[in-house]
């Protein structure tokens, strides 16, 4: 399994939506690597995630299994699980 870098961000905006959170995560990921590739994401409030299909074991959510299987090594967690984005760090 790939070593993961977990970054936690706190955003004090009650109206923070998915698009804004995704932009914040992307900008933060770009400070870690030149070309981060978004592999999967999760919204804590709604339970919505990507990808939606089942894969791997039931020990982890499918969106985590999907990203880890593709080398996902960067996790951006916004507001303690409100939004989580998993990236592959590309040089």
PDB file of N, CA and C in Angstrom:
ATOM      1  N   UNK A   1       0.848  -1.183   0.000  1.00  0.00           N
ATOM      2  CA  UNK A   1       0.000   0.000   0.000  1.00  0.00           C
ATOM      3  C   UNK A   1       0.888   1.240   0.000  1.00  0.00           C
ATOM      4  N   UNK A   2       0.430   2.282  -0.641  1.00  0.00           N
ATOM      5  CA  UNK A   2       1.153   3.528  -0.765  1.00  0.00           C
ATOM      6  C   UNK A   2       1.108   4.303   0.545  1.00  0.00           C
ATOM      7  N   UNK A   3       2.240   4.918   0.902  1.00  0.00           N
ATOM      8  CA  UNK A   3       2.280   5.802   2.066  1.00  0.00           C
ATOM      9  C   UNK A   3       1.407   7.016   1.775  1.00  0.00           C
ATOM     10  N   UNK A   4       0.548   7.379   2.699  1.00  0.00           N
ATOM     11  CA  UNK A   4      -0.364   8.495   2.459  1.00  0.00           C
ATOM     12  C   UNK A   4       0.026   9.708   3.291  1.00  0.00           C
ATOM     13  N   UNK A   5      -0.160  10.857   2.693  1.00  0.00           N
ATOM     14  CA  UNK A   5       0.036  12.124   3.351  1.00  0.00           C
ATOM     15  C   UNK A   5      -1.357  12.676   3.664  1.00  0.00           C
ATOM     16  N   UNK A   6      -1.682  12.822   4.943  1.00  0.00           N
ATOM     17  CA  UNK A   6      -3.003  13.323   5.359  1.00  0.00           C
ATOM     18  C   UNK A   6      -2.890  14.781   5.765  1.00  0.00           C
ATOM     19  N   UNK A   7      -3.678  15.618   5.114  1.00  0.00           N
ATOM     20  CA  UNK A   7      -3.677  17.043   5.427  1.00  0.00           C
ATOM     21  C   UNK A   7      -5.084  17.427   5.870  1.00  0.00           C
ATOM     22  N   UNK A   8      -5.166  18.061   7.016  1.00  0.00           N
ATOM     23  CA  UNK A   8      -6.457  18.509   7.540  1.00  0.00           C
ATOM     24  C   UNK A   8      -6.554  20.020   7.403  1.00  0.00           C
ATOM     25  N   UNK A   9      -7.690  20.473   6.903  1.00  0.00           N
ATOM     26  CA  UNK A   9      -7.939  21.899   6.709  1.00  0.00           C
ATOM     27  C   UNK A   9      -9.252  22.245   7.402  1.00  0.00           C
ATOM     28  N   UNK A  10      -9.244  23.353   8.111  1.00  0.00           N
ATOM     29  CA  UNK A  10     -10.469  23.851   8.737  1.00  0.00           C
ATOM     30  C   UNK A  10     -10.900  25.102   7.994  1.00  0.00           C
ATOM     31  N   UNK A  11     -12.131  25.108   7.477  1.00  0.00           N
ATOM     32  CA  UNK A  11     -12.671  26.258   6.750  1.00  0.00           C
ATOM     33  C   UNK A  11     -13.883  26.766   7.527  1.00  0.00           C
ATOM     34  N   UNK A  12     -13.795  27.995   7.986  1.00  0.00           N
ATOM     35  CA  UNK A  12     -14.885  28.585   8.771  1.00  0.00           C
ATOM     36  C   UNK A  12     -15.874  29.288   7.855  1.00  0.00           C
ATOM     37  N   UNK A  13     -16.679  28.493   7.153  1.00  0.00           N
ATOM     38  CA  UNK A  13     -17.701  29.007   6.250  1.00  0.00           C
ATOM     39  C   UNK A  13     -18.884  28.046   6.317  1.00  0.00           C
ATOM     40  N   UNK A  14     -19.961  28.487   6.960  1.00  0.00           N
ATOM     41  CA  UNK A  14     -21.141  27.623   7.110  1.00  0.00           C
ATOM     42  C   UNK A  14     -21.763  27.259   5.765  1.00  0.00           C
ATOM     43  N   UNK A  15     -21.502  28.060   4.736  1.00  0.00           N
ATOM     44  CA  UNK A  15     -22.076  27.822   3.415  1.00  0.00           C
ATOM     45  C   UNK A  15     -21.112  27.120   2.457  1.00  0.00           C
ATOM     46  N   UNK A  16     -20.044  26.552   2.997  1.00  0.00           N
ATOM     47  CA  UNK A  16     -19.066  25.854   2.158  1.00  0.00           C
ATOM     48  C   UNK A  16     -19.766  24.743   1.382  1.00  0.00           C
ATOM     49  N   UNK A  17     -19.616  24.769   0.058  1.00  0.00           N
ATOM     50  CA  UNK A  17     -20.225  23.723  -0.757  1.00  0.00           C
ATOM     51  C   UNK A  17     -19.146  22.855  -1.402  1.00  0.00           C
ATOM     52  N   UNK A  18     -19.580  21.834  -2.116  1.00  0.00           N
ATOM     53  CA  UNK A  18     -18.661  20.869  -2.701  1.00  0.00           C
ATOM     54  C   UNK A  18     -17.665  21.535  -3.655  1.00  0.00           C
ATOM     55  N   UNK A  19     -18.142  22.410  -4.525  1.00  0.00           N
ATOM     56  CA  UNK A  19     -17.267  23.054  -5.512  1.00  0.00           C
ATOM     57  C   UNK A  19     -16.186  23.883  -4.817  1.00  0.00           C
ATOM     58  N   UNK A  20     -16.572  24.643  -3.816  1.00  0.00           N
ATOM     59  CA  UNK A  20     -15.597  25.443  -3.074  1.00  0.00           C
ATOM     60  C   UNK A  20     -14.594  24.544  -2.362  1.00  0.00           C
ATOM     61  N   UNK A  21     -15.085  23.486  -1.724  1.00  0.00           N
ATOM     62  CA  UNK A  21     -14.202  22.565  -1.011  1.00  0.00           C
ATOM     63  C   UNK A  21     -13.235  21.886  -1.974  1.00  0.00           C
ATOM     64  N   UNK A  22     -13.731  21.506  -3.133  1.00  0.00           N
ATOM     65  CA  UNK A  22     -12.885  20.862  -4.145  1.00  0.00           C
ATOM     66  C   UNK A  22     -11.779  21.813  -4.600  1.00  0.00           C
ATOM     67  N   UNK A  23     -12.112  23.079  -4.798  1.00  0.00           N
ATOM     68  CA  UNK A  23     -11.111  24.072  -5.192  1.00  0.00           C
ATOM     69  C   UNK A  23     -10.057  24.273  -4.106  1.00  0.00           C
ATOM     70  N   UNK A  24     -10.491  24.348  -2.860  1.00  0.00           N
ATOM     71  CA  UNK A  24      -9.567  24.498  -1.733  1.00  0.00           C
ATOM     72  C   UNK A  24      -8.627  23.297  -1.666  1.00  0.00           C
ATOM     73  N   UNK A  25      -9.195  22.102  -1.806  1.00  0.00           N
ATOM     74  CA  UNK A  25      -8.387  20.881  -1.750  1.00  0.00           C
ATOM     75  C   UNK A  25      -7.374  20.849  -2.893  1.00  0.00           C
ATOM     76  N   UNK A  26      -7.807  21.218  -4.080  1.00  0.00           N
ATOM     77  CA  UNK A  26      -6.910  21.211  -5.248  1.00  0.00           C
ATOM     78  C   UNK A  26      -5.747  22.180  -5.046  1.00  0.00           C
ATOM     79  N   UNK A  27      -6.045  23.377  -4.556  1.00  0.00           N
ATOM     80  CA  UNK A  27      -4.984  24.357  -4.315  1.00  0.00           C
ATOM     81  C   UNK A  27      -3.991  23.851  -3.269  1.00  0.00           C
ATOM     82  N   UNK A  28      -4.497  23.217  -2.224  1.00  0.00           N
ATOM     83  CA  UNK A  28      -3.608  22.669  -1.194  1.00  0.00           C
ATOM     84  C   UNK A  28      -2.780  21.530  -1.774  1.00  0.00           C
ATOM     85  N   UNK A  29      -3.403  20.665  -2.557  1.00  0.00           N
ATOM     86  CA  UNK A  29      -2.682  19.546  -3.169  1.00  0.00           C
ATOM     87  C   UNK A  29      -1.560  20.045  -4.079  1.00  0.00           C
ATOM     88  N   UNK A  30      -1.800  21.171  -4.752  1.00  0.00           N
ATOM     89  CA  UNK A  30      -0.782  21.737  -5.644  1.00  0.00           C
ATOM     90  C   UNK A  30       0.421  22.276  -4.878  1.00  0.00           C
ATOM     91  N   UNK A  31       0.282  22.502  -3.575  1.00  0.00           N
ATOM     92  CA  UNK A  31       1.439  22.914  -2.783  1.00  0.00           C
ATOM     93  C   UNK A  31       2.310  21.709  -2.430  1.00  0.00           C
ATOM     94  N   UNK A  32       1.756  20.508  -2.581  1.00  0.00           N
ATOM     95  CA  UNK A  32       2.479  19.272  -2.276  1.00  0.00           C
ATOM     96  C   UNK A  32       3.153  18.716  -3.527  1.00  0.00           C
ATOM     97  N   UNK A  33       2.459  18.787  -4.655  1.00  0.00           N
ATOM     98  CA  UNK A  33       2.997  18.273  -5.913  1.00  0.00           C
ATOM     99  C   UNK A  33       2.497  19.140  -7.066  1.00  0.00           C
ATOM    100  N   UNK A  34       3.216  19.080  -8.174  1.00  0.00           N
ATOM    101  CA  UNK A  34       2.913  19.955  -9.308  1.00  0.00           C
ATOM    102  C   UNK A  34       1.583  19.643  -9.979  1.00  0.00           C
ATOM    103  N   UNK A  35       1.250  18.360 -10.068  1.00  0.00           N
ATOM    104  CA  UNK A  35       0.073  17.967 -10.848  1.00  0.00           C
ATOM    105  C   UNK A  35      -0.726  16.884 -10.127  1.00  0.00           C
ATOM    106  N   UNK A  36      -1.469  17.242  -9.072  1.00  0.00           N
ATOM    107  CA  UNK A  36      -2.238  16.233  -8.341  1.00  0.00           C
ATOM    108  C   UNK A  36      -3.429  15.738  -9.167  1.00  0.00           C
ATOM    109  N   UNK A  37      -3.667  14.439  -9.134  1.00  0.00           N
ATOM    110  CA  UNK A  37      -4.799  13.844  -9.848  1.00  0.00           C
ATOM    111  C   UNK A  37      -5.851  13.399  -8.833  1.00  0.00           C
ATOM    112  N   UNK A  38      -7.037  13.985  -8.904  1.00  0.00           N
ATOM    113  CA  UNK A  38      -8.123  13.613  -8.002  1.00  0.00           C
ATOM    114  C   UNK A  38      -8.622  12.219  -8.374  1.00  0.00           C
ATOM    115  N   UNK A  39      -8.592  11.307  -7.408  1.00  0.00           N
ATOM    116  CA  UNK A  39      -9.030   9.934  -7.645  1.00  0.00           C
ATOM    117  C   UNK A  39     -10.408   9.645  -7.070  1.00  0.00           C
ATOM    118  N   UNK A  40     -10.684  10.180  -5.888  1.00  0.00           N
ATOM    119  CA  UNK A  40     -11.978   9.912  -5.265  1.00  0.00           C
ATOM    120  C   UNK A  40     -12.300  11.006  -4.265  1.00  0.00           C
ATOM    121  N   UNK A  41     -13.567  11.056  -3.874  1.00  0.00           N
ATOM    122  CA  UNK A  41     -13.983  12.039  -2.883  1.00  0.00           C
ATOM    123  C   UNK A  41     -15.187  11.529  -2.096  1.00  0.00           C
ATOM    124  N   UNK A  42     -15.436  12.218  -0.978  1.00  0.00           N
ATOM    125  CA  UNK A  42     -16.533  11.846  -0.083  1.00  0.00           C
ATOM    126  C   UNK A  42     -17.084  13.117   0.558  1.00  0.00           C
ATOM    127  N   UNK A  43     -18.410  13.188   0.670  1.00  0.00           N
ATOM    128  CA  UNK A  43     -19.079  14.285   1.378  1.00  0.00           C
ATOM    129  C   UNK A  43     -19.699  13.731   2.652  1.00  0.00           C
ATOM    130  N   UNK A  44     -19.198  14.177   3.767  1.00  0.00           N
ATOM    131  CA  UNK A  44     -19.672  13.667   5.046  1.00  0.00           C
ATOM    132  C   UNK A  44     -21.128  13.963   5.358  1.00  0.00           C
ATOM    133  N   UNK A  45     -21.614  15.143   4.986  1.00  0.00           N
ATOM    134  CA  UNK A  45     -22.996  15.518   5.305  1.00  0.00           C
ATOM    135  C   UNK A  45     -24.017  14.674   4.552  1.00  0.00           C
ATOM    136  N   UNK A  46     -23.732  14.386   3.284  1.00  0.00           N
ATOM    137  CA  UNK A  46     -24.702  13.667   2.453  1.00  0.00           C
ATOM    138  C   UNK A  46     -24.385  12.175   2.322  1.00  0.00           C
ATOM    139  N   UNK A  47     -23.137  11.803   2.587  1.00  0.00           N
ATOM    140  CA  UNK A  47     -22.727  10.413   2.394  1.00  0.00           C
ATOM    141  C   UNK A  47     -22.404  10.098   0.939  1.00  0.00           C
ATOM    142  N   UNK A  48     -22.525  11.097   0.061  1.00  0.00           N
ATOM    143  CA  UNK A  48     -22.233  10.898  -1.359  1.00  0.00           C
ATOM    144  C   UNK A  48     -20.733  10.737  -1.557  1.00  0.00           C
ATOM    145  N   UNK A  49     -20.364   9.876  -2.508  1.00  0.00           N
ATOM    146  CA  UNK A  49     -18.948   9.652  -2.792  1.00  0.00           C
ATOM    147  C   UNK A  49     -18.757   9.306  -4.258  1.00  0.00           C
ATOM    148  N   UNK A  50     -17.512   9.366  -4.676  1.00  0.00           N
ATOM    149  CA  UNK A  50     -17.127   8.945  -6.024  1.00  0.00           C
ATOM    150  C   UNK A  50     -15.872   8.109  -5.888  1.00  0.00           C
ATOM    151  N   UNK A  51     -15.785   6.974  -6.510  1.00  0.00           N
ATOM    152  CA  UNK A  51     -16.783   6.383  -7.392  1.00  0.00           C
ATOM    153  C   UNK A  51     -17.927   5.762  -6.600  1.00  0.00           C
ATOM    154  N   UNK A  52     -19.036   5.555  -7.272  1.00  0.00           N
ATOM    155  CA  UNK A  52     -20.244   5.047  -6.621  1.00  0.00           C
ATOM    156  C   UNK A  52     -20.329   3.530  -6.593  1.00  0.00           C
ATOM    157  N   UNK A  53     -19.531   2.852  -7.426  1.00  0.00           N
ATOM    158  CA  UNK A  53     -19.640   1.398  -7.498  1.00  0.00           C
ATOM    159  C   UNK A  53     -18.876   0.723  -6.359  1.00  0.00           C
ATOM    160  N   UNK A  54     -19.252  -0.494  -6.087  1.00  0.00           N
ATOM    161  CA  UNK A  54     -18.598  -1.277  -5.045  1.00  0.00           C
ATOM    162  C   UNK A  54     -17.323  -1.901  -5.588  1.00  0.00           C
ATOM    163  N   UNK A  55     -16.265  -1.845  -4.801  1.00  0.00           N
ATOM    164  CA  UNK A  55     -15.026  -2.509  -5.177  1.00  0.00           C
ATOM    165  C   UNK A  55     -14.268  -2.865  -3.907  1.00  0.00           C
ATOM    166  N   UNK A  56     -13.489  -3.923  -3.975  1.00  0.00           N
ATOM    167  CA  UNK A  56     -12.659  -4.318  -2.851  1.00  0.00           C
ATOM    168  C   UNK A  56     -13.439  -4.915  -1.704  1.00  0.00           C
ATOM    169  N   UNK A  57     -12.795  -4.908  -0.556  1.00  0.00           N
ATOM    170  CA  UNK A  57     -13.385  -5.502   0.640  1.00  0.00           C
ATOM    171  C   UNK A  57     -14.402  -4.559   1.266  1.00  0.00           C
ATOM    172  N   UNK A  58     -15.098  -5.046   2.226  1.00  0.00           N
ATOM    173  CA  UNK A  58     -16.072  -4.215   2.938  1.00  0.00           C
ATOM    174  C   UNK A  58     -15.442  -3.573   4.182  1.00  0.00           C
ATOM    175  N   UNK A  59     -14.128  -3.764   4.360  1.00  0.00           N
ATOM    176  CA  UNK A  59     -13.442  -3.168   5.506  1.00  0.00           C
ATOM    177  C   UNK A  59     -13.289  -1.658   5.353  1.00  0.00           C
ATOM    178  N   UNK A  60     -13.254  -1.195   4.103  1.00  0.00           N
ATOM    179  CA  UNK A  60     -13.087   0.226   3.805  1.00  0.00           C
ATOM    180  C   UNK A  60     -14.153   0.630   2.795  1.00  0.00           C
ATOM    181  N   UNK A  61     -14.528   1.908   2.808  1.00  0.00           N
ATOM    182  CA  UNK A  61     -15.486   2.378   1.800  1.00  0.00           C
ATOM    183  C   UNK A  61     -14.907   2.222   0.391  1.00  0.00           C
ATOM    184  N   UNK A  62     -15.759   1.979  -0.612  1.00  0.00           N
ATOM    185  CA  UNK A  62     -15.276   1.770  -1.980  1.00  0.00           C
ATOM    186  C   UNK A  62     -14.448   2.922  -2.531  1.00  0.00           C
ATOM    187  N   UNK A  63     -14.790   4.152  -2.169  1.00  0.00           N
ATOM    188  CA  UNK A  63     -14.031   5.293  -2.675  1.00  0.00           C
ATOM    189  C   UNK A  63     -12.606   5.304  -2.150  1.00  0.00           C
ATOM    190  N   UNK A  64     -12.385   4.772  -0.945  1.00  0.00           N
ATOM    191  CA  UNK A  64     -11.036   4.663  -0.383  1.00  0.00           C
ATOM    192  C   UNK A  64     -10.277   3.532  -1.074  1.00  0.00           C
ATOM    193  N   UNK A  65     -10.923   2.379  -1.227  1.00  0.00           N
ATOM    194  CA  UNK A  65     -10.303   1.233  -1.896  1.00  0.00           C
ATOM    195  C   UNK A  65      -9.896   1.616  -3.316  1.00  0.00           C
ATOM    196  N   UNK A  66     -10.792   2.305  -4.027  1.00  0.00           N
ATOM    197  CA  UNK A  66     -10.537   2.727  -5.400  1.00  0.00           C
ATOM    198  C   UNK A  66      -9.276   3.587  -5.481  1.00  0.00           C
ATOM    199  N   UNK A  67      -9.188   4.597  -4.624  1.00  0.00           N
ATOM    200  CA  UNK A  67      -8.045   5.513  -4.658  1.00  0.00           C
ATOM    201  C   UNK A  67      -6.755   4.817  -4.242  1.00  0.00           C
ATOM    202  N   UNK A  68      -6.811   4.012  -3.198  1.00  0.00           N
ATOM    203  CA  UNK A  68      -5.609   3.311  -2.741  1.00  0.00           C
ATOM    204  C   UNK A  68      -5.095   2.341  -3.799  1.00  0.00           C
ATOM    205  N   UNK A  69      -6.002   1.673  -4.505  1.00  0.00           N
ATOM    206  CA  UNK A  69      -5.609   0.715  -5.537  1.00  0.00           C
ATOM    207  C   UNK A  69      -4.927   1.410  -6.716  1.00  0.00           C
ATOM    208  N   UNK A  70      -5.154   2.701  -6.844  1.00  0.00           N
ATOM    209  CA  UNK A  70      -4.568   3.469  -7.945  1.00  0.00           C
ATOM    210  C   UNK A  70      -3.395   4.334  -7.481  1.00  0.00           C
ATOM    211  N   UNK A  71      -2.905   4.045  -6.281  1.00  0.00           N
ATOM    212  CA  UNK A  71      -1.723   4.738  -5.777  1.00  0.00           C
ATOM    213  C   UNK A  71      -2.003   6.030  -5.042  1.00  0.00           C
ATOM    214  N   UNK A  72      -3.255   6.273  -4.682  1.00  0.00           N
ATOM    215  CA  UNK A  72      -3.595   7.505  -3.966  1.00  0.00           C
ATOM    216  C   UNK A  72      -2.710   7.687  -2.745  1.00  0.00           C
ATOM    217  N   UNK A  73      -2.032   8.814  -2.684  1.00  0.00           N
ATOM    218  CA  UNK A  73      -1.071   9.041  -1.613  1.00  0.00           C
ATOM    219  C   UNK A  73      -1.241  10.380  -0.905  1.00  0.00           C
ATOM    220  N   UNK A  74      -2.304  11.098  -1.249  1.00  0.00           N
ATOM    221  CA  UNK A  74      -2.546  12.400  -0.639  1.00  0.00           C
ATOM    222  C   UNK A  74      -4.032  12.519  -0.297  1.00  0.00           C
ATOM    223  N   UNK A  75      -4.313  12.746   0.978  1.00  0.00           N
ATOM    224  CA  UNK A  75      -5.691  12.888   1.451  1.00  0.00           C
ATOM    225  C   UNK A  75      -5.860  14.300   2.010  1.00  0.00           C
ATOM    226  N   UNK A  76      -6.825  15.014   1.468  1.00  0.00           N
ATOM    227  CA  UNK A  76      -7.154  16.350   1.975  1.00  0.00           C
ATOM    228  C   UNK A  76      -8.505  16.238   2.674  1.00  0.00           C
ATOM    229  N   UNK A  77      -8.507  16.460   3.971  1.00  0.00           N
ATOM    230  CA  UNK A  77      -9.708  16.346   4.804  1.00  0.00           C
ATOM    231  C   UNK A  77     -10.124  17.745   5.230  1.00  0.00           C
ATOM    232  N   UNK A  78     -11.275  18.180   4.751  1.00  0.00           N
ATOM    233  CA  UNK A  78     -11.766  19.517   5.074  1.00  0.00           C
ATOM    234  C   UNK A  78     -12.872  19.426   6.123  1.00  0.00           C
ATOM    235  N   UNK A  79     -12.680  20.165   7.201  1.00  0.00           N
ATOM    236  CA  UNK A  79     -13.648  20.255   8.297  1.00  0.00           C
ATOM    237  C   UNK A  79     -13.981  18.896   8.906  1.00  0.00           C
ATOM    238  N   UNK A  80     -12.950  18.142   9.211  1.00  0.00           N
ATOM    239  CA  UNK A  80     -13.082  16.871   9.928  1.00  0.00           C
ATOM    240  C   UNK A  80     -14.077  15.928   9.268  1.00  0.00           C
ATOM    241  N   UNK A  81     -13.872  15.685   7.983  1.00  0.00           N
ATOM    242  CA  UNK A  81     -14.695  14.714   7.276  1.00  0.00           C
ATOM    243  C   UNK A  81     -15.900  15.283   6.554  1.00  0.00           C
ATOM    244  N   UNK A  82     -16.090  16.597   6.621  1.00  0.00           N
ATOM    245  CA  UNK A  82     -17.198  17.186   5.863  1.00  0.00           C
ATOM    246  C   UNK A  82     -16.972  16.944   4.364  1.00  0.00           C
ATOM    247  N   UNK A  83     -15.712  17.101   3.933  1.00  0.00           N
ATOM    248  CA  UNK A  83     -15.301  16.780   2.569  1.00  0.00           C
ATOM    249  C   UNK A  83     -13.931  16.120   2.632  1.00  0.00           C
ATOM    250  N   UNK A  84     -13.765  15.002   1.921  1.00  0.00           N
ATOM    251  CA  UNK A  84     -12.472  14.328   1.855  1.00  0.00           C
ATOM    252  C   UNK A  84     -12.157  14.068   0.389  1.00  0.00           C
ATOM    253  N   UNK A  85     -10.943  14.431  -0.004  1.00  0.00           N
ATOM    254  CA  UNK A  85     -10.496  14.247  -1.381  1.00  0.00           C
ATOM    255  C   UNK A  85      -9.212  13.434  -1.365  1.00  0.00           C
ATOM    256  N   UNK A  86      -9.143  12.413  -2.214  1.00  0.00           N
ATOM    257  CA  UNK A  86      -7.951  11.574  -2.305  1.00  0.00           C
ATOM    258  C   UNK A  86      -7.309  11.776  -3.679  1.00  0.00           C
ATOM    259  N   UNK A  87      -6.014  12.082  -3.643  1.00  0.00           N
ATOM    260  CA  UNK A  87      -5.256  12.401  -4.846  1.00  0.00           C
ATOM    261  C   UNK A  87      -4.092  11.437  -5.046  1.00  0.00           C
ATOM    262  N   UNK A  88      -3.634  11.396  -6.283  1.00  0.00           N
ATOM    263  CA  UNK A  88      -2.376  10.772  -6.640  1.00  0.00           C
ATOM    264  C   UNK A  88      -1.425  11.916  -6.934  1.00  0.00           C
ATOM    265  N   UNK A  89      -0.288  11.933  -6.236  1.00  0.00           N
ATOM    266  CA  UNK A  89       0.715  12.979  -6.450  1.00  0.00           C
ATOM    267  C   UNK A  89       1.508  12.661  -7.699  1.00  0.00           C
ATOM    268  N   UNK A  90       1.411  13.540  -8.677  1.00  0.00           N
ATOM    269  CA  UNK A  90       2.183  13.384  -9.904  1.00  0.00           C
ATOM    270  C   UNK A  90       3.232  14.478  -9.959  1.00  0.00           C
ATOM    271  N   UNK A  91       4.443  14.147 -10.410  1.00  0.00           N
ATOM    272  CA  UNK A  91       5.518  15.158 -10.436  1.00  0.00           C
ATOM    273  C   UNK A  91       5.236  16.277 -11.422  1.00  0.00           C
TER     274      UNK A  91
END
